[in-house]
N, C-alpha and C. Protein backbone atom coordinates (compact mmCIF):
# COMPACT_ATOMS: atom_id res chain seq x y z
N MET A 1 142.89 132.61 97.03
CA MET A 1 143.89 133.65 96.97
C MET A 1 145.18 133.15 97.61
N ASN A 2 146.28 133.34 96.93
CA ASN A 2 147.59 132.94 97.46
C ASN A 2 148.25 134.12 98.14
N GLU A 3 149.04 133.83 99.13
CA GLU A 3 149.77 134.87 99.84
C GLU A 3 151.25 134.53 99.85
N LEU A 4 152.06 135.56 99.89
CA LEU A 4 153.49 135.41 100.04
C LEU A 4 153.97 136.51 100.97
N ALA A 5 154.56 136.12 102.09
CA ALA A 5 155.00 137.10 103.07
C ALA A 5 156.42 137.55 102.78
N MET A 6 156.60 138.88 102.81
CA MET A 6 157.96 139.40 102.66
C MET A 6 158.60 139.55 104.02
N GLY A 7 157.80 139.38 105.08
CA GLY A 7 158.34 139.49 106.41
C GLY A 7 157.25 139.51 107.46
N ALA A 8 157.65 139.88 108.64
CA ALA A 8 156.73 139.97 109.77
C ALA A 8 157.20 141.10 110.67
N ILE A 9 156.28 141.59 111.51
CA ILE A 9 156.60 142.67 112.44
C ILE A 9 156.03 142.30 113.80
N THR A 10 156.80 142.56 114.85
CA THR A 10 156.35 142.26 116.20
C THR A 10 155.69 143.48 116.82
N SER A 11 154.97 143.26 117.90
CA SER A 11 154.27 144.36 118.55
C SER A 11 155.22 145.40 119.14
N ASP A 12 156.49 145.02 119.34
CA ASP A 12 157.45 146.01 119.83
C ASP A 12 158.31 146.58 118.70
N GLY A 13 157.86 146.37 117.45
CA GLY A 13 158.48 147.03 116.31
C GLY A 13 159.64 146.33 115.65
N VAL A 14 159.93 145.09 116.05
CA VAL A 14 161.01 144.34 115.41
C VAL A 14 160.50 143.86 114.04
N ILE A 15 161.28 144.13 113.00
CA ILE A 15 160.91 143.73 111.64
C ILE A 15 161.79 142.57 111.21
N LEU A 16 161.16 141.49 110.79
CA LEU A 16 161.87 140.32 110.29
C LEU A 16 161.54 140.20 108.81
N LEU A 17 162.56 140.21 107.97
CA LEU A 17 162.34 140.15 106.53
C LEU A 17 162.75 138.80 105.97
N ASN A 18 162.02 138.36 104.96
CA ASN A 18 162.40 137.19 104.18
C ASN A 18 163.28 137.74 103.06
N ASP A 19 164.58 137.71 103.28
CA ASP A 19 165.53 138.33 102.34
C ASP A 19 165.41 137.76 100.93
N GLU A 20 165.11 136.49 100.83
CA GLU A 20 164.98 135.87 99.51
C GLU A 20 163.81 136.47 98.73
N VAL A 21 162.68 136.65 99.39
CA VAL A 21 161.50 137.23 98.74
C VAL A 21 161.76 138.70 98.40
N VAL A 22 162.32 139.45 99.35
CA VAL A 22 162.61 140.86 99.12
C VAL A 22 163.54 141.04 97.92
N SER A 23 164.56 140.20 97.85
CA SER A 23 165.53 140.29 96.76
C SER A 23 164.91 139.87 95.43
N GLU A 24 164.24 138.74 95.43
CA GLU A 24 163.66 138.20 94.19
C GLU A 24 162.62 139.15 93.59
N LEU A 25 161.84 139.80 94.46
CA LEU A 25 160.80 140.72 93.98
C LEU A 25 161.28 142.16 93.90
N ASP A 26 162.55 142.40 94.25
CA ASP A 26 163.15 143.73 94.19
C ASP A 26 162.31 144.77 94.93
N ILE A 27 161.99 144.45 96.18
CA ILE A 27 161.17 145.33 97.01
C ILE A 27 162.08 146.38 97.63
N SER A 28 161.76 147.64 97.40
CA SER A 28 162.61 148.73 97.85
C SER A 28 162.49 148.96 99.35
N PRO A 29 163.52 149.55 99.96
CA PRO A 29 163.45 149.91 101.38
C PRO A 29 162.29 150.86 101.68
N GLN A 30 161.96 151.72 100.74
CA GLN A 30 160.84 152.65 100.94
C GLN A 30 159.51 151.90 101.03
N ILE A 31 159.33 150.91 100.18
CA ILE A 31 158.10 150.11 100.24
C ILE A 31 158.04 149.33 101.54
N ILE A 32 159.17 148.75 101.94
CA ILE A 32 159.22 148.01 103.20
C ILE A 32 158.84 148.92 104.36
N GLU A 33 159.38 150.12 104.39
CA GLU A 33 159.07 151.07 105.46
C GLU A 33 157.59 151.45 105.46
N GLN A 34 157.04 151.68 104.27
CA GLN A 34 155.63 152.05 104.16
C GLN A 34 154.72 150.92 104.64
N VAL A 35 155.02 149.70 104.20
CA VAL A 35 154.23 148.54 104.62
C VAL A 35 154.37 148.32 106.12
N ALA A 36 155.59 148.43 106.64
CA ALA A 36 155.81 148.23 108.08
C ALA A 36 155.03 149.25 108.90
N THR A 37 155.00 150.49 108.45
CA THR A 37 154.25 151.54 109.16
C THR A 37 152.76 151.20 109.18
N ASN A 38 152.23 150.80 108.04
CA ASN A 38 150.81 150.45 107.96
C ASN A 38 150.49 149.23 108.81
N GLU A 39 151.35 148.21 108.76
CA GLU A 39 151.12 147.00 109.53
C GLU A 39 151.25 147.25 111.03
N MET A 40 152.17 148.11 111.43
CA MET A 40 152.32 148.44 112.85
C MET A 40 151.08 149.15 113.37
N ARG A 41 150.53 150.03 112.55
CA ARG A 41 149.29 150.72 112.92
C ARG A 41 148.16 149.71 113.12
N GLU A 42 148.06 148.74 112.20
CA GLU A 42 147.03 147.71 112.32
C GLU A 42 147.29 146.80 113.51
N LEU A 43 148.53 146.47 113.76
CA LEU A 43 148.89 145.65 114.90
C LEU A 43 148.49 146.33 116.21
N CYS A 44 148.74 147.61 116.31
CA CYS A 44 148.35 148.38 117.51
C CYS A 44 146.83 148.42 117.66
N ARG A 45 146.12 148.60 116.55
CA ARG A 45 144.66 148.64 116.58
C ARG A 45 144.10 147.32 117.11
N GLN A 46 144.63 146.22 116.57
CA GLN A 46 144.15 144.91 117.00
C GLN A 46 144.53 144.61 118.45
N ALA A 47 145.71 145.00 118.85
CA ALA A 47 146.14 144.77 120.25
C ALA A 47 145.19 145.49 121.20
N TYR A 48 144.84 146.73 120.87
CA TYR A 48 143.92 147.47 121.73
C TYR A 48 142.53 146.84 121.71
N LEU A 49 142.10 146.39 120.54
CA LEU A 49 140.79 145.75 120.41
C LEU A 49 140.69 144.53 121.31
N TYR A 50 141.72 143.68 121.33
CA TYR A 50 141.70 142.44 122.10
C TYR A 50 142.12 142.62 123.55
N GLN A 51 142.99 143.58 123.81
CA GLN A 51 143.59 143.70 125.13
C GLN A 51 143.11 144.92 125.90
N GLY A 52 142.68 145.95 125.19
CA GLY A 52 142.28 147.18 125.86
C GLY A 52 143.46 147.79 126.60
N ASP A 53 143.22 148.28 127.79
CA ASP A 53 144.27 148.89 128.60
C ASP A 53 144.97 147.90 129.52
N ARG A 54 144.58 146.62 129.45
CA ARG A 54 145.18 145.60 130.32
C ARG A 54 146.63 145.32 129.92
N GLN A 55 147.43 144.97 130.87
CA GLN A 55 148.81 144.55 130.61
C GLN A 55 148.80 143.17 129.98
N PRO A 56 149.79 142.86 129.14
CA PRO A 56 149.86 141.52 128.55
C PRO A 56 149.98 140.45 129.63
N SER A 57 149.41 139.29 129.34
CA SER A 57 149.51 138.16 130.26
C SER A 57 150.94 137.63 130.26
N ARG A 58 151.37 137.14 131.41
CA ARG A 58 152.68 136.51 131.50
C ARG A 58 152.52 135.04 131.12
N ILE A 59 153.31 134.60 130.15
CA ILE A 59 153.16 133.21 129.69
C ILE A 59 154.40 132.37 129.95
N HIS A 60 155.37 132.93 130.67
CA HIS A 60 156.58 132.18 130.99
C HIS A 60 156.22 130.92 131.76
N ASP A 61 156.81 129.80 131.36
CA ASP A 61 156.57 128.50 131.99
C ASP A 61 155.13 128.01 131.84
N HIS A 62 154.45 128.45 130.81
CA HIS A 62 153.10 127.99 130.51
C HIS A 62 153.08 127.42 129.08
N ILE A 63 152.13 126.58 128.82
CA ILE A 63 151.92 126.08 127.46
C ILE A 63 151.08 127.10 126.72
N LEU A 64 151.49 127.43 125.52
CA LEU A 64 150.78 128.40 124.70
C LEU A 64 150.28 127.71 123.44
N ILE A 65 149.01 127.86 123.15
CA ILE A 65 148.44 127.34 121.91
C ILE A 65 148.10 128.54 121.04
N LEU A 66 148.74 128.60 119.88
CA LEU A 66 148.55 129.71 118.96
C LEU A 66 147.52 129.31 117.91
N VAL A 67 146.50 130.14 117.74
CA VAL A 67 145.46 129.90 116.75
C VAL A 67 145.45 131.07 115.78
N ASP A 68 145.55 130.75 114.49
CA ASP A 68 145.52 131.76 113.44
C ASP A 68 144.24 131.53 112.66
N ASP A 69 143.29 132.47 112.75
CA ASP A 69 141.97 132.23 112.18
C ASP A 69 141.90 132.29 110.66
N ASP A 70 142.92 132.82 110.01
CA ASP A 70 142.87 132.86 108.54
C ASP A 70 143.96 132.01 107.90
N GLY A 71 144.62 131.22 108.68
CA GLY A 71 145.65 130.33 108.13
C GLY A 71 147.01 130.99 108.11
N ILE A 72 148.02 130.21 108.30
CA ILE A 72 149.40 130.71 108.29
C ILE A 72 149.89 130.67 106.84
N ALA A 73 150.22 131.84 106.31
CA ALA A 73 150.63 131.93 104.91
C ALA A 73 151.98 131.27 104.68
N THR A 74 152.94 131.63 105.49
CA THR A 74 154.29 131.07 105.34
C THR A 74 154.91 130.98 106.73
N ALA A 75 156.02 130.28 106.80
CA ALA A 75 156.74 130.17 108.07
C ALA A 75 157.28 131.52 108.51
N THR A 76 157.46 132.44 107.58
CA THR A 76 157.96 133.77 107.94
C THR A 76 157.03 134.47 108.91
N THR A 77 155.73 134.34 108.70
CA THR A 77 154.77 135.04 109.56
C THR A 77 154.58 134.36 110.90
N ILE A 78 154.79 133.08 110.97
CA ILE A 78 154.62 132.38 112.24
C ILE A 78 155.83 132.59 113.12
């Protein structure tokens, strides 16, 4: 299965769009909003699953190794 990311969303709600993909596929603002809402809900669910009520770890001045268990689809998502 191939994937193509139209963007990414951060846990604090910042939305990053791949303008080229959005334009080429003529993705409407309404679809983007709907997808962002669904993805934010899933992001919150996963954050609670992995983190629970604990505060996020501080990673400033530390080495971070990022592991993506299903593969990175595009640079947009990373």
